[in-house]
C-alpha atoms as a PDB file:
ATOM      1  CA  MET A   1     -21.665   1.717  -1.510  1.00  0.00           C
ATOM      2  CA  GLN A   2     -18.764   1.133  -2.471  1.00  0.00           C
ATOM      3  CA  VAL A   3     -15.678   2.216  -1.090  1.00  0.00           C
ATOM      4  CA  SER A   4     -12.123   2.570  -1.786  1.00  0.00           C
ATOM      5  CA  LYS A   5      -9.845  -0.327  -1.605  1.00  0.00           C
ATOM      6  CA  PRO A   6      -7.843   1.128   1.024  1.00  0.00           C
ATOM      7  CA  MET A   7     -10.988   2.289   2.955  1.00  0.00           C
ATOM      8  CA  ALA A   8     -11.920  -1.233   2.413  1.00  0.00           C
ATOM      9  CA  ILE A   9      -8.939  -2.362   3.372  1.00  0.00           C
ATOM     10  CA  PHE A  10      -8.113   0.157   6.610  1.00  0.00           C
ATOM     11  CA  GLY A  11     -12.324  -1.099   7.769  1.00  0.00           C
ATOM     12  CA  PHE A  12     -11.475  -4.603   7.413  1.00  0.00           C
ATOM     13  CA  HIS A  13      -9.215  -4.487   9.649  1.00  0.00           C
ATOM     14  CA  PHE A  14     -10.092  -1.758  12.424  1.00  0.00           C
ATOM     15  CA  CYS A  15     -13.479  -4.597  12.798  1.00  0.00           C
ATOM     16  CA  VAL A  16     -10.911  -7.277  13.011  1.00  0.00           C
ATOM     17  CA  THR A  17      -9.307  -5.849  15.768  1.00  0.00           C
ATOM     18  CA  ILE A  18     -12.599  -5.235  17.305  1.00  0.00           C
ATOM     19  CA  PHE A  19     -13.853  -7.982  17.179  1.00  0.00           C
ATOM     20  CA  VAL A  20     -10.271 -10.269  18.449  1.00  0.00           C
ATOM     21  CA  GLY A  21      -9.779  -7.422  20.842  1.00  0.00           C
ATOM     22  CA  LEU A  22     -14.005  -8.499  22.302  1.00  0.00           C
ATOM     23  CA  CYS A  23     -13.221 -11.529  22.392  1.00  0.00           C
ATOM     24  CA  LEU A  24     -10.000 -11.714  24.015  1.00  0.00           C
ATOM     25  CA  TYR A  25     -11.780  -9.466  26.708  1.00  0.00           C
ATOM     26  CA  GLY A  26     -14.268 -11.814  27.539  1.00  0.00           C
ATOM     27  CA  ILE A  27     -11.380 -14.918  27.970  1.00  0.00           C
ATOM     28  CA  VAL A  28      -9.631 -12.867  30.212  1.00  0.00           C
ATOM     29  CA  LEU A  29     -13.013 -11.708  31.918  1.00  0.00           C
ATOM     30  CA  TYR A  30     -14.413 -15.413  32.325  1.00  0.00           C
ATOM     31  CA  LEU A  31     -10.596 -17.273  33.455  1.00  0.00           C
ATOM     32  CA  SER A  32      -9.729 -13.959  35.896  1.00  0.00           C
ATOM     33  CA  GLU A  33     -13.597 -14.265  37.366  1.00  0.00           C
ATOM     34  CA  GLY A  34     -15.498 -17.394  36.152  1.00  0.00           C
ATOM     35  CA  LEU A  35     -19.374 -17.771  35.689  1.00  0.00           C
ATOM     36  CA  LEU A  36     -19.191 -15.995  39.662  1.00  0.00           C
ATOM     37  CA  ARG A  37     -19.982 -12.827  38.151  1.00  0.00           C
ATOM     38  CA  SER A  38     -22.947 -12.342  35.864  1.00  0.00           C
ATOM     39  CA  ASP A  39     -23.341  -9.335  33.941  1.00  0.00           C
ATOM     40  CA  SER A  40     -25.977  -6.944  33.502  1.00  0.00           C
ATOM     41  CA  LEU A  41     -27.926  -7.690  30.753  1.00  0.00           C
ATOM     42  CA  LEU A  42     -27.423  -4.381  28.924  1.00  0.00           C
ATOM     43  CA  SER A  43     -23.424  -4.895  29.181  1.00  0.00           C
ATOM     44  CA  MET A  44     -24.181  -8.026  27.364  1.00  0.00           C
ATOM     45  CA  VAL A  45     -26.445  -6.848  25.144  1.00  0.00           C
ATOM     46  CA  SER A  46     -24.301  -4.293  24.017  1.00  0.00           C
ATOM     47  CA  TYR A  47     -20.954  -6.806  24.334  1.00  0.00           C
ATOM     48  CA  ALA A  48     -23.559  -8.467  21.404  1.00  0.00           C
ATOM     49  CA  ILE A  49     -24.194  -5.848  19.372  1.00  0.00           C
ATOM     50  CA  PHE A  50     -20.579  -5.115  19.021  1.00  0.00           C
ATOM     51  CA  ILE A  51     -19.746  -7.855  17.763  1.00  0.00           C
ATOM     52  CA  LEU A  52     -22.124  -8.325  15.958  1.00  0.00           C
ATOM     53  CA  ALA A  53     -21.317  -5.238  14.128  1.00  0.00           C
ATOM     54  CA  SER A  54     -17.695  -6.364  13.591  1.00  0.00           C
ATOM     55  CA  MET A  55     -18.836  -9.582  12.047  1.00  0.00           C
ATOM     56  CA  ALA A  56     -21.394  -7.265   9.367  1.00  0.00           C
ATOM     57  CA  GLY A  57     -18.004  -4.979   9.027  1.00  0.00           C
ATOM     58  CA  ILE A  58     -15.335  -7.599   8.826  1.00  0.00           C
ATOM     59  CA  CYS A  59     -18.157  -9.237   5.997  1.00  0.00           C
ATOM     60  CA  PHE A  60     -18.578  -5.890   4.048  1.00  0.00           C
ATOM     61  CA  PHE A  61     -15.170  -4.433   3.778  1.00  0.00           C
ATOM     62  CA  GLY A  62     -13.693  -8.102   3.170  1.00  0.00           C
ATOM     63  CA  LYS A  63     -16.220  -8.601  -0.076  1.00  0.00           C
ATOM     64  CA  GLU A  64     -15.370  -4.672  -0.943  1.00  0.00           C
ATOM     65  CA  ALA A  65     -11.972  -5.402  -1.404  1.00  0.00           C
ATOM     66  CA  ASP A  66     -12.285  -8.630  -2.963  1.00  0.00           C
ATOM     67  CA  GLN A  67     -14.113  -6.361  -5.563  1.00  0.00           C
ATOM     68  CA  ARG A  68     -11.755  -4.065  -5.478  1.00  0.00           C
ATOM     69  CA  ARG A  69      -8.914  -6.611  -5.920  1.00  0.00           C
ATOM     70  CA  ALA A  70     -11.053  -8.673  -8.902  1.00  0.00           C
ATOM     71  CA  GLU A  71     -11.717  -4.584 -10.255  1.00  0.00           C
ATOM     72  CA  GLU A  72      -7.437  -4.250 -10.463  1.00  0.00           C
ATOM     73  CA  ILE A  73      -7.046  -7.513 -12.179  1.00  0.00           C
ATOM     74  CA  ARG A  74      -9.872  -7.331 -15.139  1.00  0.00           C
ATOM     75  CA  THR A  75      -8.479  -3.983 -16.488  1.00  0.00           C
ATOM     76  CA  ALA A  76      -4.817  -5.540 -16.088  1.00  0.00           C
ATOM     77  CA  ILE A  77      -5.843  -8.280 -18.092  1.00  0.00           C
ATOM     78  CA  GLN A  78      -7.346  -5.677 -20.843  1.00  0.00           C
ATOM     79  CA  LYS A  79      -4.223  -3.596 -21.002  1.00  0.00           C
ATOM     80  CA  PRO A  80      -2.555  -4.848 -24.158  1.00  0.00           C
ATOM     81  CA  LEU A  81       1.062  -5.888 -23.666  1.00  0.00           C
ATOM     82  CA  PRO A  82       4.042  -4.278 -25.923  1.00  0.00           C
ATOM     83  CA  SER A  83       5.115  -6.039 -28.533  1.00  0.00           C
ATOM     84  CA  PRO A  84       8.527  -7.378 -28.608  1.00  0.00           C
ATOM     85  CA  LYS A  85      10.867  -5.848 -30.831  1.00  0.00           C
ATOM     86  CA  LYS A  86      13.208  -8.315 -32.773  1.00  0.00           C
ATOM     87  CA  LYS A  87      16.359  -6.795 -32.254  1.00  0.00           C
ATOM     88  CA  LYS A  88      18.949  -6.574 -35.468  1.00  0.00           C
ATOM     89  CA  ASN A  89      22.251  -9.307 -35.899  1.00  0.00           C
END
C-alpha cells in the first residue's frame, strides 16, 4: 500500500506522539505510585497493544516517507539540467 508523502509524514508523527505519550504516562504512573498498585490484565494488554501498534506505524510510515523521498530524488536526477548559454562579448 502506497501513501502520499504528506500522509506518510503525518502518520509517522502521529505514531511517534502516541508512543511517546504512552511511555511518559507509564513513567509518571510509576513515579507517582510505584509498583504497589497493579493494573488489571486488560489494561496491561491494551497498553502493550497500543505501544506495539504505534511502533509498527512508526516503521511503516517511516519506510513510506523514505520511499517517497527516494522517488523525488530519482526524478530530480533524471531531469536534464539546462545547458548554460554562452554570452557574446
